[in-house]
Amino acid sequence: MATPLTVNADRHTDGTPLLVAAGEIDLSNVETFTRALITVIAAADGAGGTVTVDLSAVEYLDSAAIGALSVHADQVPQMRLVANPYLIPVLRISGIDQLATVEPAQPTDG
């Protein structure tokens, strides 16, 4: 069974916009993810233009999710993707690492 998508728009302690996603991002919920991404990108104007998308708790993403990231990555000076290490190869093969900085998430305790 698919893990439901949750998204939360927030800010880092330095004020830069942050989108935290968890679960699975696919065709059934990519609109929710995209709306949240657009909201965070709009907030980047006053924060130096950097947006972080935290995908560390995303277990799966399909081509619709890659497409949403690709389309919107060029709308900010810098997009930073922090991803579950399992997703790093998918992000690199898709070429998203040419549009955004892709980093593996740090392991959490527990």
PDB file of N, CA and C in Angstrom:
ATOM      1  N   MET A   1       0.838  -1.181   0.000  1.00  0.00           N
ATOM      2  CA  MET A   1       0.000   0.000   0.000  1.00  0.00           C
ATOM      3  C   MET A   1       0.884   1.245   0.000  1.00  0.00           C
ATOM      4  N   ALA A   2       0.501   2.232  -0.742  1.00  0.00           N
ATOM      5  CA  ALA A   2       1.272   3.464  -0.873  1.00  0.00           C
ATOM      6  C   ALA A   2       1.230   4.265   0.425  1.00  0.00           C
ATOM      7  N   THR A   3       2.365   4.895   0.725  1.00  0.00           N
ATOM      8  CA  THR A   3       2.439   5.790   1.874  1.00  0.00           C
ATOM      9  C   THR A   3       1.911   7.149   1.445  1.00  0.00           C
ATOM     10  N   PRO A   4       0.914   7.687   2.135  1.00  0.00           N
ATOM     11  CA  PRO A   4       0.345   8.976   1.734  1.00  0.00           C
ATOM     12  C   PRO A   4       1.399  10.084   1.751  1.00  0.00           C
ATOM     13  N   LEU A   5       1.246  11.015   0.843  1.00  0.00           N
ATOM     14  CA  LEU A   5       2.138  12.167   0.771  1.00  0.00           C
ATOM     15  C   LEU A   5       1.733  13.200   1.810  1.00  0.00           C
ATOM     16  N   THR A   6       2.730  13.721   2.507  1.00  0.00           N
ATOM     17  CA  THR A   6       2.531  14.905   3.337  1.00  0.00           C
ATOM     18  C   THR A   6       3.551  15.942   2.895  1.00  0.00           C
ATOM     19  N   VAL A   7       3.147  17.191   2.870  1.00  0.00           N
ATOM     20  CA  VAL A   7       4.054  18.289   2.528  1.00  0.00           C
ATOM     21  C   VAL A   7       3.886  19.392   3.563  1.00  0.00           C
ATOM     22  N   ASN A   8       4.995  20.044   3.871  1.00  0.00           N
ATOM     23  CA  ASN A   8       4.978  21.129   4.837  1.00  0.00           C
ATOM     24  C   ASN A   8       5.924  22.223   4.358  1.00  0.00           C
ATOM     25  N   ALA A   9       5.386  23.403   4.138  1.00  0.00           N
ATOM     26  CA  ALA A   9       6.206  24.561   3.773  1.00  0.00           C
ATOM     27  C   ALA A   9       6.660  25.228   5.064  1.00  0.00           C
ATOM     28  N   ASP A  10       7.960  25.491   5.147  1.00  0.00           N
ATOM     29  CA  ASP A  10       8.539  26.044   6.363  1.00  0.00           C
ATOM     30  C   ASP A  10       9.715  26.933   5.975  1.00  0.00           C
ATOM     31  N   ARG A  11      10.503  27.323   6.953  1.00  0.00           N
ATOM     32  CA  ARG A  11      11.731  28.082   6.708  1.00  0.00           C
ATOM     33  C   ARG A  11      12.840  27.519   7.578  1.00  0.00           C
ATOM     34  N   HIS A  12      14.061  27.537   7.021  1.00  0.00           N
ATOM     35  CA  HIS A  12      15.244  27.212   7.822  1.00  0.00           C
ATOM     36  C   HIS A  12      15.428  28.301   8.871  1.00  0.00           C
ATOM     37  N   THR A  13      16.313  28.058   9.808  1.00  0.00           N
ATOM     38  CA  THR A  13      16.604  29.073  10.824  1.00  0.00           C
ATOM     39  C   THR A  13      17.181  30.344  10.215  1.00  0.00           C
ATOM     40  N   ASP A  14      17.802  30.233   9.034  1.00  0.00           N
ATOM     41  CA  ASP A  14      18.343  31.425   8.362  1.00  0.00           C
ATOM     42  C   ASP A  14      17.290  32.146   7.514  1.00  0.00           C
ATOM     43  N   GLY A  15      16.062  31.634   7.512  1.00  0.00           N
ATOM     44  CA  GLY A  15      14.971  32.287   6.795  1.00  0.00           C
ATOM     45  C   GLY A  15      14.728  31.792   5.383  1.00  0.00           C
ATOM     46  N   THR A  16      15.596  30.918   4.862  1.00  0.00           N
ATOM     47  CA  THR A  16      15.385  30.429   3.500  1.00  0.00           C
ATOM     48  C   THR A  16      14.228  29.430   3.468  1.00  0.00           C
ATOM     49  N   PRO A  17      13.455  29.455   2.387  1.00  0.00           N
ATOM     50  CA  PRO A  17      12.289  28.580   2.272  1.00  0.00           C
ATOM     51  C   PRO A  17      12.668  27.098   2.228  1.00  0.00           C
ATOM     52  N   LEU A  18      11.821  26.299   2.835  1.00  0.00           N
ATOM     53  CA  LEU A  18      12.037  24.866   2.952  1.00  0.00           C
ATOM     54  C   LEU A  18      10.717  24.152   2.696  1.00  0.00           C
ATOM     55  N   LEU A  19      10.756  23.157   1.828  1.00  0.00           N
ATOM     56  CA  LEU A  19       9.607  22.281   1.607  1.00  0.00           C
ATOM     57  C   LEU A  19      10.003  20.894   2.083  1.00  0.00           C
ATOM     58  N   VAL A  20       9.255  20.358   3.023  1.00  0.00           N
ATOM     59  CA  VAL A  20       9.513  19.017   3.543  1.00  0.00           C
ATOM     60  C   VAL A  20       8.402  18.105   3.040  1.00  0.00           C
ATOM     61  N   ALA A  21       8.795  17.056   2.337  1.00  0.00           N
ATOM     62  CA  ALA A  21       7.836  16.078   1.823  1.00  0.00           C
ATOM     63  C   ALA A  21       8.133  14.718   2.439  1.00  0.00           C
ATOM     64  N   ALA A  22       7.094  13.934   2.630  1.00  0.00           N
ATOM     65  CA  ALA A  22       7.246  12.580   3.158  1.00  0.00           C
ATOM     66  C   ALA A  22       6.217  11.682   2.489  1.00  0.00           C
ATOM     67  N   GLY A  23       6.580  10.414   2.363  1.00  0.00           N
ATOM     68  CA  GLY A  23       5.672   9.450   1.741  1.00  0.00           C
ATOM     69  C   GLY A  23       6.075   9.164   0.312  1.00  0.00           C
ATOM     70  N   GLU A  24       5.089   9.038  -0.553  1.00  0.00           N
ATOM     71  CA  GLU A  24       5.322   8.753  -1.963  1.00  0.00           C
ATOM     72  C   GLU A  24       4.764   9.883  -2.812  1.00  0.00           C
ATOM     73  N   ILE A  25       5.535  10.281  -3.835  1.00  0.00           N
ATOM     74  CA  ILE A  25       5.075  11.310  -4.770  1.00  0.00           C
ATOM     75  C   ILE A  25       4.894  10.642  -6.122  1.00  0.00           C
ATOM     76  N   ASP A  26       3.655  10.646  -6.598  1.00  0.00           N
ATOM     77  CA  ASP A  26       3.360  10.030  -7.887  1.00  0.00           C
ATOM     78  C   ASP A  26       2.234  10.799  -8.569  1.00  0.00           C
ATOM     79  N   LEU A  27       1.773  10.276  -9.665  1.00  0.00           N
ATOM     80  CA  LEU A  27       0.754  10.956 -10.458  1.00  0.00           C
ATOM     81  C   LEU A  27      -0.506  11.266  -9.651  1.00  0.00           C
ATOM     82  N   SER A  28      -0.818  10.432  -8.676  1.00  0.00           N
ATOM     83  CA  SER A  28      -2.049  10.634  -7.905  1.00  0.00           C
ATOM     84  C   SER A  28      -1.992  11.846  -6.976  1.00  0.00           C
ATOM     85  N   ASN A  29      -0.787  12.306  -6.625  1.00  0.00           N
ATOM     86  CA  ASN A  29      -0.688  13.412  -5.672  1.00  0.00           C
ATOM     87  C   ASN A  29       0.314  14.491  -6.077  1.00  0.00           C
ATOM     88  N   VAL A  30       0.820  14.412  -7.303  1.00  0.00           N
ATOM     89  CA  VAL A  30       1.838  15.372  -7.724  1.00  0.00           C
ATOM     90  C   VAL A  30       1.309  16.806  -7.722  1.00  0.00           C
ATOM     91  N   GLU A  31       0.010  16.993  -7.916  1.00  0.00           N
ATOM     92  CA  GLU A  31      -0.546  18.352  -7.870  1.00  0.00           C
ATOM     93  C   GLU A  31      -0.377  18.970  -6.485  1.00  0.00           C
ATOM     94  N   THR A  32      -0.584  18.191  -5.456  1.00  0.00           N
ATOM     95  CA  THR A  32      -0.388  18.677  -4.085  1.00  0.00           C
ATOM     96  C   THR A  32       1.066  19.077  -3.873  1.00  0.00           C
ATOM     97  N   PHE A  33       1.983  18.218  -4.308  1.00  0.00           N
ATOM     98  CA  PHE A  33       3.411  18.509  -4.191  1.00  0.00           C
ATOM     99  C   PHE A  33       3.771  19.762  -4.984  1.00  0.00           C
ATOM    100  N   THR A  34       3.264  19.871  -6.196  1.00  0.00           N
ATOM    101  CA  THR A  34       3.580  21.013  -7.060  1.00  0.00           C
ATOM    102  C   THR A  34       3.061  22.318  -6.470  1.00  0.00           C
ATOM    103  N   ARG A  35       1.861  22.310  -5.940  1.00  0.00           N
ATOM    104  CA  ARG A  35       1.321  23.536  -5.307  1.00  0.00           C
ATOM    105  C   ARG A  35       2.201  23.980  -4.146  1.00  0.00           C
ATOM    106  N   ALA A  36       2.632  23.041  -3.328  1.00  0.00           N
ATOM    107  CA  ALA A  36       3.509  23.375  -2.202  1.00  0.00           C
ATOM    108  C   ALA A  36       4.857  23.887  -2.703  1.00  0.00           C
ATOM    109  N   LEU A  37       5.374  23.278  -3.757  1.00  0.00           N
ATOM    110  CA  LEU A  37       6.644  23.712  -4.338  1.00  0.00           C
ATOM    111  C   LEU A  37       6.536  25.139  -4.868  1.00  0.00           C
ATOM    112  N   ILE A  38       5.462  25.448  -5.553  1.00  0.00           N
ATOM    113  CA  ILE A  38       5.246  26.804  -6.083  1.00  0.00           C
ATOM    114  C   ILE A  38       5.157  27.819  -4.942  1.00  0.00           C
ATOM    115  N   THR A  39       4.493  27.454  -3.856  1.00  0.00           N
ATOM    116  CA  THR A  39       4.386  28.339  -2.692  1.00  0.00           C
ATOM    117  C   THR A  39       5.759  28.640  -2.108  1.00  0.00           C
ATOM    118  N   VAL A  40       6.581  27.619  -1.973  1.00  0.00           N
ATOM    119  CA  VAL A  40       7.922  27.796  -1.405  1.00  0.00           C
ATOM    120  C   VAL A  40       8.798  28.604  -2.354  1.00  0.00           C
ATOM    121  N   ILE A  41       8.687  28.368  -3.641  1.00  0.00           N
ATOM    122  CA  ILE A  41       9.466  29.137  -4.620  1.00  0.00           C
ATOM    123  C   ILE A  41       9.076  30.608  -4.565  1.00  0.00           C
ATOM    124  N   ALA A  42       7.800  30.895  -4.424  1.00  0.00           N
ATOM    125  CA  ALA A  42       7.353  32.289  -4.323  1.00  0.00           C
ATOM    126  C   ALA A  42       7.952  32.965  -3.095  1.00  0.00           C
ATOM    127  N   ALA A  43       8.141  32.219  -2.027  1.00  0.00           N
ATOM    128  CA  ALA A  43       8.726  32.769  -0.801  1.00  0.00           C
ATOM    129  C   ALA A  43      10.224  33.008  -0.936  1.00  0.00           C
ATOM    130  N   ALA A  44      10.846  32.422  -1.947  1.00  0.00           N
ATOM    131  CA  ALA A  44      12.298  32.548  -2.117  1.00  0.00           C
ATOM    132  C   ALA A  44      12.718  33.932  -2.575  1.00  0.00           C
ATOM    133  N   ASP A  45      11.815  34.684  -3.187  1.00  0.00           N
ATOM    134  CA  ASP A  45      12.167  36.010  -3.690  1.00  0.00           C
ATOM    135  C   ASP A  45      12.778  36.889  -2.620  1.00  0.00           C
ATOM    136  N   GLY A  46      12.219  36.867  -1.443  1.00  0.00           N
ATOM    137  CA  GLY A  46      12.722  37.712  -0.374  1.00  0.00           C
ATOM    138  C   GLY A  46      13.765  37.046   0.491  1.00  0.00           C
ATOM    139  N   ALA A  47      14.218  35.861   0.106  1.00  0.00           N
ATOM    140  CA  ALA A  47      15.149  35.111   0.949  1.00  0.00           C
ATOM    141  C   ALA A  47      16.419  34.727   0.207  1.00  0.00           C
ATOM    142  N   GLY A  48      16.820  35.507  -0.757  1.00  0.00           N
ATOM    143  CA  GLY A  48      18.059  35.234  -1.468  1.00  0.00           C
ATOM    144  C   GLY A  48      17.943  34.254  -2.605  1.00  0.00           C
ATOM    145  N   GLY A  49      16.751  33.754  -2.854  1.00  0.00           N
ATOM    146  CA  GLY A  49      16.545  32.914  -4.016  1.00  0.00           C
ATOM    147  C   GLY A  49      16.875  31.450  -3.861  1.00  0.00           C
ATOM    148  N   THR A  50      17.225  30.994  -2.668  1.00  0.00           N
ATOM    149  CA  THR A  50      17.524  29.583  -2.460  1.00  0.00           C
ATOM    150  C   THR A  50      16.311  28.880  -1.870  1.00  0.00           C
ATOM    151  N   VAL A  51      16.008  27.709  -2.409  1.00  0.00           N
ATOM    152  CA  VAL A  51      14.922  26.871  -1.902  1.00  0.00           C
ATOM    153  C   VAL A  51      15.503  25.497  -1.597  1.00  0.00           C
ATOM    154  N   THR A  52      15.150  24.951  -0.440  1.00  0.00           N
ATOM    155  CA  THR A  52      15.525  23.583  -0.108  1.00  0.00           C
ATOM    156  C   THR A  52      14.274  22.720  -0.147  1.00  0.00           C
ATOM    157  N   VAL A  53      14.374  21.606  -0.854  1.00  0.00           N
ATOM    158  CA  VAL A  53      13.294  20.617  -0.891  1.00  0.00           C
ATOM    159  C   VAL A  53      13.826  19.377  -0.183  1.00  0.00           C
ATOM    160  N   ASP A  54      13.266  19.091   0.970  1.00  0.00           N
ATOM    161  CA  ASP A  54      13.705  17.962   1.784  1.00  0.00           C
ATOM    162  C   ASP A  54      12.883  16.736   1.405  1.00  0.00           C
ATOM    163  N   LEU A  55      13.536  15.821   0.710  1.00  0.00           N
ATOM    164  CA  LEU A  55      12.905  14.571   0.279  1.00  0.00           C
ATOM    165  C   LEU A  55      13.424  13.392   1.095  1.00  0.00           C
ATOM    166  N   SER A  56      14.017  13.671   2.258  1.00  0.00           N
ATOM    167  CA  SER A  56      14.647  12.607   3.038  1.00  0.00           C
ATOM    168  C   SER A  56      13.652  11.549   3.509  1.00  0.00           C
ATOM    169  N   ALA A  57      12.392  11.908   3.661  1.00  0.00           N
ATOM    170  CA  ALA A  57      11.376  10.945   4.091  1.00  0.00           C
ATOM    171  C   ALA A  57      10.490  10.481   2.933  1.00  0.00           C
ATOM    172  N   VAL A  58      10.891  10.800   1.708  1.00  0.00           N
ATOM    173  CA  VAL A  58      10.158  10.325   0.531  1.00  0.00           C
ATOM    174  C   VAL A  58      10.678   8.938   0.184  1.00  0.00           C
ATOM    175  N   GLU A  59       9.776   7.992   0.103  1.00  0.00           N
ATOM    176  CA  GLU A  59      10.132   6.604  -0.164  1.00  0.00           C
ATOM    177  C   GLU A  59      10.117   6.264  -1.648  1.00  0.00           C
ATOM    178  N   TYR A  60       9.367   7.045  -2.420  1.00  0.00           N
ATOM    179  CA  TYR A  60       9.204   6.742  -3.842  1.00  0.00           C
ATOM    180  C   TYR A  60       8.798   8.017  -4.553  1.00  0.00           C
ATOM    181  N   LEU A  61       9.341   8.215  -5.745  1.00  0.00           N
ATOM    182  CA  LEU A  61       8.837   9.272  -6.619  1.00  0.00           C
ATOM    183  C   LEU A  61       8.875   8.773  -8.044  1.00  0.00           C
ATOM    184  N   ASP A  62       7.881   9.182  -8.819  1.00  0.00           N
ATOM    185  CA  ASP A  62       7.804   8.733 -10.203  1.00  0.00           C
ATOM    186  C   ASP A  62       8.157   9.871 -11.147  1.00  0.00           C
ATOM    187  N   SER A  63       7.960   9.639 -12.424  1.00  0.00           N
ATOM    188  CA  SER A  63       8.339  10.638 -13.427  1.00  0.00           C
ATOM    189  C   SER A  63       7.537  11.928 -13.288  1.00  0.00           C
ATOM    190  N   ALA A  64       6.324  11.855 -12.761  1.00  0.00           N
ATOM    191  CA  ALA A  64       5.542  13.078 -12.541  1.00  0.00           C
ATOM    192  C   ALA A  64       6.231  13.968 -11.508  1.00  0.00           C
ATOM    193  N   ALA A  65       6.768  13.371 -10.470  1.00  0.00           N
ATOM    194  CA  ALA A  65       7.490  14.131  -9.442  1.00  0.00           C
ATOM    195  C   ALA A  65       8.778  14.719 -10.003  1.00  0.00           C
ATOM    196  N   ILE A  66       9.516  13.917 -10.768  1.00  0.00           N
ATOM    197  CA  ILE A  66      10.744  14.407 -11.415  1.00  0.00           C
ATOM    198  C   ILE A  66      10.395  15.569 -12.336  1.00  0.00           C
ATOM    199  N   GLY A  67       9.314  15.431 -13.076  1.00  0.00           N
ATOM    200  CA  GLY A  67       8.884  16.502 -13.976  1.00  0.00           C
ATOM    201  C   GLY A  67       8.569  17.786 -13.229  1.00  0.00           C
ATOM    202  N   ALA A  68       7.869  17.683 -12.104  1.00  0.00           N
ATOM    203  CA  ALA A  68       7.541  18.874 -11.311  1.00  0.00           C
ATOM    204  C   ALA A  68       8.811  19.552 -10.816  1.00  0.00           C
ATOM    205  N   LEU A  69       9.761  18.770 -10.334  1.00  0.00           N
ATOM    206  CA  LEU A  69      11.027  19.350  -9.870  1.00  0.00           C
ATOM    207  C   LEU A  69      11.778  20.000 -11.027  1.00  0.00           C
ATOM    208  N   SER A  70      11.818  19.337 -12.164  1.00  0.00           N
ATOM    209  CA  SER A  70      12.542  19.864 -13.332  1.00  0.00           C
ATOM    210  C   SER A  70      11.943  21.168 -13.827  1.00  0.00           C
ATOM    211  N   VAL A  71      10.639  21.220 -13.937  1.00  0.00           N
ATOM    212  CA  VAL A  71       9.964  22.419 -14.444  1.00  0.00           C
ATOM    213  C   VAL A  71      10.205  23.612 -13.533  1.00  0.00           C
ATOM    214  N   HIS A  72      10.218  23.376 -12.238  1.00  0.00           N
ATOM    215  CA  HIS A  72      10.291  24.488 -11.295  1.00  0.00           C
ATOM    216  C   HIS A  72      11.703  24.801 -10.811  1.00  0.00           C
ATOM    217  N   ALA A  73      12.666  23.937 -11.077  1.00  0.00           N
ATOM    218  CA  ALA A  73      14.036  24.186 -10.615  1.00  0.00           C
ATOM    219  C   ALA A  73      14.632  25.447 -11.214  1.00  0.00           C
ATOM    220  N   ASP A  74      14.258  25.776 -12.434  1.00  0.00           N
ATOM    221  CA  ASP A  74      14.841  26.963 -13.072  1.00  0.00           C
ATOM    222  C   ASP A  74      14.119  28.254 -12.695  1.00  0.00           C
ATOM    223  N   GLN A  75      13.155  28.168 -11.802  1.00  0.00           N
ATOM    224  CA  GLN A  75      12.428  29.362 -11.370  1.00  0.00           C
ATOM    225  C   GLN A  75      13.059  30.032 -10.153  1.00  0.00           C
ATOM    226  N   VAL A  76      14.113  29.433  -9.631  1.00  0.00           N
ATOM    227  CA  VAL A  76      14.851  30.018  -8.508  1.00  0.00           C
ATOM    228  C   VAL A  76      16.339  29.968  -8.828  1.00  0.00           C
ATOM    229  N   PRO A  77      17.112  30.910  -8.283  1.00  0.00           N
ATOM    230  CA  PRO A  77      18.552  30.874  -8.539  1.00  0.00           C
ATOM    231  C   PRO A  77      19.207  29.576  -8.074  1.00  0.00           C
ATOM    232  N   GLN A  78      18.731  29.027  -6.950  1.00  0.00           N
ATOM    233  CA  GLN A  78      19.319  27.780  -6.465  1.00  0.00           C
ATOM    234  C   GLN A  78      18.267  26.921  -5.790  1.00  0.00           C
ATOM    235  N   MET A  79      18.136  25.680  -6.280  1.00  0.00           N
ATOM    236  CA  MET A  79      17.282  24.694  -5.622  1.00  0.00           C
ATOM    237  C   MET A  79      18.192  23.609  -5.072  1.00  0.00           C
ATOM    238  N   ARG A  80      17.962  23.285  -3.831  1.00  0.00           N
ATOM    239  CA  ARG A  80      18.752  22.263  -3.147  1.00  0.00           C
ATOM    240  C   ARG A  80      17.812  21.117  -2.785  1.00  0.00           C
ATOM    241  N   LEU A  81      18.120  19.924  -3.258  1.00  0.00           N
ATOM    242  CA  LEU A  81      17.320  18.736  -2.953  1.00  0.00           C
ATOM    243  C   LEU A  81      18.090  17.874  -1.964  1.00  0.00           C
ATOM    244  N   VAL A  82      17.508  17.627  -0.821  1.00  0.00           N
ATOM    245  CA  VAL A  82      18.087  16.736   0.180  1.00  0.00           C
ATOM    246  C   VAL A  82      17.241  15.476   0.134  1.00  0.00           C
ATOM    247  N   ALA A  83      17.849  14.384  -0.322  1.00  0.00           N
ATOM    248  CA  ALA A  83      17.048  13.202  -0.636  1.00  0.00           C
ATOM    249  C   ALA A  83      17.472  11.972   0.150  1.00  0.00           C
ATOM    250  N   ASN A  84      16.504  11.112   0.350  1.00  0.00           N
ATOM    251  CA  ASN A  84      16.748   9.777   0.846  1.00  0.00           C
ATOM    252  C   ASN A  84      17.839   9.176  -0.048  1.00  0.00           C
ATOM    253  N   PRO A  85      18.916   8.624   0.532  1.00  0.00           N
ATOM    254  CA  PRO A  85      19.998   8.086  -0.300  1.00  0.00           C
ATOM    255  C   PRO A  85      19.524   7.080  -1.350  1.00  0.00           C
ATOM    256  N   TYR A  86      18.438   6.387  -1.073  1.00  0.00           N
ATOM    257  CA  TYR A  86      17.862   5.428  -2.007  1.00  0.00           C
ATOM    258  C   TYR A  86      17.413   6.111  -3.307  1.00  0.00           C
ATOM    259  N   LEU A  87      17.031   7.393  -3.216  1.00  0.00           N
ATOM    260  CA  LEU A  87      16.529   8.123  -4.384  1.00  0.00           C
ATOM    261  C   LEU A  87      17.622   8.827  -5.187  1.00  0.00           C
ATOM    262  N   ILE A  88      18.813   8.940  -4.638  1.00  0.00           N
ATOM    263  CA  ILE A  88      19.885   9.689  -5.309  1.00  0.00           C
ATOM    264  C   ILE A  88      20.146   9.169  -6.728  1.00  0.00           C
ATOM    265  N   PRO A  89      20.275   7.854  -6.945  1.00  0.00           N
ATOM    266  CA  PRO A  89      20.503   7.388  -8.322  1.00  0.00           C
ATOM    267  C   PRO A  89      19.385   7.788  -9.284  1.00  0.00           C
ATOM    268  N   VAL A  90      18.146   7.735  -8.837  1.00  0.00           N
ATOM    269  CA  VAL A  90      17.010   8.118  -9.684  1.00  0.00           C
ATOM    270  C   VAL A  90      17.116   9.592 -10.057  1.00  0.00           C
ATOM    271  N   LEU A  91      17.442  10.431  -9.087  1.00  0.00           N
ATOM    272  CA  LEU A  91      17.562  11.867  -9.346  1.00  0.00           C
ATOM    273  C   LEU A  91      18.713  12.157 -10.309  1.00  0.00           C
ATOM    274  N   ARG A  92      19.803  11.435 -10.166  1.00  0.00           N
ATOM    275  CA  ARG A  92      20.948  11.655 -11.062  1.00  0.00           C
ATOM    276  C   ARG A  92      20.664  11.145 -12.470  1.00  0.00           C
ATOM    277  N   ILE A  93      20.091   9.967 -12.587  1.00  0.00           N
ATOM    278  CA  ILE A  93      19.779   9.407 -13.907  1.00  0.00           C
ATOM    279  C   ILE A  93      18.794  10.303 -14.650  1.00  0.00           C
ATOM    280  N   SER A  94      17.870  10.904 -13.914  1.00  0.00           N
ATOM    281  CA  SER A  94      16.871  11.777 -14.536  1.00  0.00           C
ATOM    282  C   SER A  94      17.469  13.089 -15.022  1.00  0.00           C
ATOM    283  N   GLY A  95      18.665  13.426 -14.536  1.00  0.00           N
ATOM    284  CA  GLY A  95      19.304  14.681 -14.918  1.00  0.00           C
ATOM    285  C   GLY A  95      18.932  15.854 -14.037  1.00  0.00           C
ATOM    286  N   ILE A  96      18.142  15.621 -13.006  1.00  0.00           N
ATOM    287  CA  ILE A  96      17.748  16.727 -12.123  1.00  0.00           C
ATOM    288  C   ILE A  96      18.965  17.331 -11.432  1.00  0.00           C
ATOM    289  N   ASP A  97      20.037  16.540 -11.290  1.00  0.00           N
ATOM    290  CA  ASP A  97      21.249  17.081 -10.660  1.00  0.00           C
ATOM    291  C   ASP A  97      21.941  18.123 -11.537  1.00  0.00           C
ATOM    292  N   GLN A  98      21.518  18.269 -12.783  1.00  0.00           N
ATOM    293  CA  GLN A  98      22.028  19.329 -13.655  1.00  0.00           C
ATOM    294  C   GLN A  98      21.258  20.633 -13.441  1.00  0.00           C
ATOM    295  N   LEU A  99      20.111  20.552 -12.792  1.00  0.00           N
ATOM    296  CA  LEU A  99      19.253  21.715 -12.559  1.00  0.00           C
ATOM    297  C   LEU A  99      19.238  22.157 -11.101  1.00  0.00           C
ATOM    298  N   ALA A 100      19.569  21.245 -10.205  1.00  0.00           N
ATOM    299  CA  ALA A 100      19.511  21.520  -8.770  1.00  0.00           C
ATOM    300  C   ALA A 100      20.661  20.790  -8.086  1.00  0.00           C
ATOM    301  N   THR A 101      21.035  21.281  -6.929  1.00  0.00           N
ATOM    302  CA  THR A 101      22.024  20.589  -6.109  1.00  0.00           C
ATOM    303  C   THR A 101      21.328  19.413  -5.434  1.00  0.00           C
ATOM    304  N   VAL A 102      21.901  18.219  -5.576  1.00  0.00           N
ATOM    305  CA  VAL A 102      21.317  17.017  -4.983  1.00  0.00           C
ATOM    306  C   VAL A 102      22.273  16.501  -3.918  1.00  0.00           C
ATOM    307  N   GLU A 103      21.766  16.349  -2.706  1.00  0.00           N
ATOM    308  CA  GLU A 103      22.577  15.875  -1.585  1.00  0.00           C
ATOM    309  C   GLU A 103      21.856  14.731  -0.883  1.00  0.00           C
ATOM    310  N   PRO A 104      22.620  13.738  -0.397  1.00  0.00           N
ATOM    311  CA  PRO A 104      21.968  12.694   0.396  1.00  0.00           C
ATOM    312  C   PRO A 104      21.610  13.230   1.780  1.00  0.00           C
ATOM    313  N   ALA A 105      20.488  12.795   2.293  1.00  0.00           N
ATOM    314  CA  ALA A 105      20.086  13.166   3.652  1.00  0.00           C
ATOM    315  C   ALA A 105      21.025  12.501   4.643  1.00  0.00           C
ATOM    316  N   GLN A 106      21.249  13.174   5.737  1.00  0.00           N
ATOM    317  CA  GLN A 106      22.072  12.608   6.798  1.00  0.00           C
ATOM    318  C   GLN A 106      21.253  11.588   7.577  1.00  0.00           C
ATOM    319  N   PRO A 107      21.894  10.493   7.982  1.00  0.00           N
ATOM    320  CA  PRO A 107      21.155   9.504   8.773  1.00  0.00           C
ATOM    321  C   PRO A 107      20.657  10.125  10.077  1.00  0.00           C
ATOM    322  N   THR A 108      19.503   9.670  10.509  1.00  0.00           N
ATOM    323  CA  THR A 108      18.956  10.156  11.775  1.00  0.00           C
ATOM    324  C   THR A 108      19.160   9.107  12.845  1.00  0.00           C
ATOM    325  N   ASP A 109      19.270   9.543  14.071  1.00  0.00           N
ATOM    326  CA  ASP A 109      19.397   8.608  15.194  1.00  0.00           C
ATOM    327  C   ASP A 109      18.045   7.972  15.462  1.00  0.00           C
ATOM    328  N   GLY A 110      18.081   6.688  15.761  1.00  0.00           N
ATOM    329  CA  GLY A 110      16.838   6.011  16.145  1.00  0.00           C
ATOM    330  C   GLY A 110      16.318   5.245  15.055  1.00  0.00           C
TER     331      GLY A 110
END
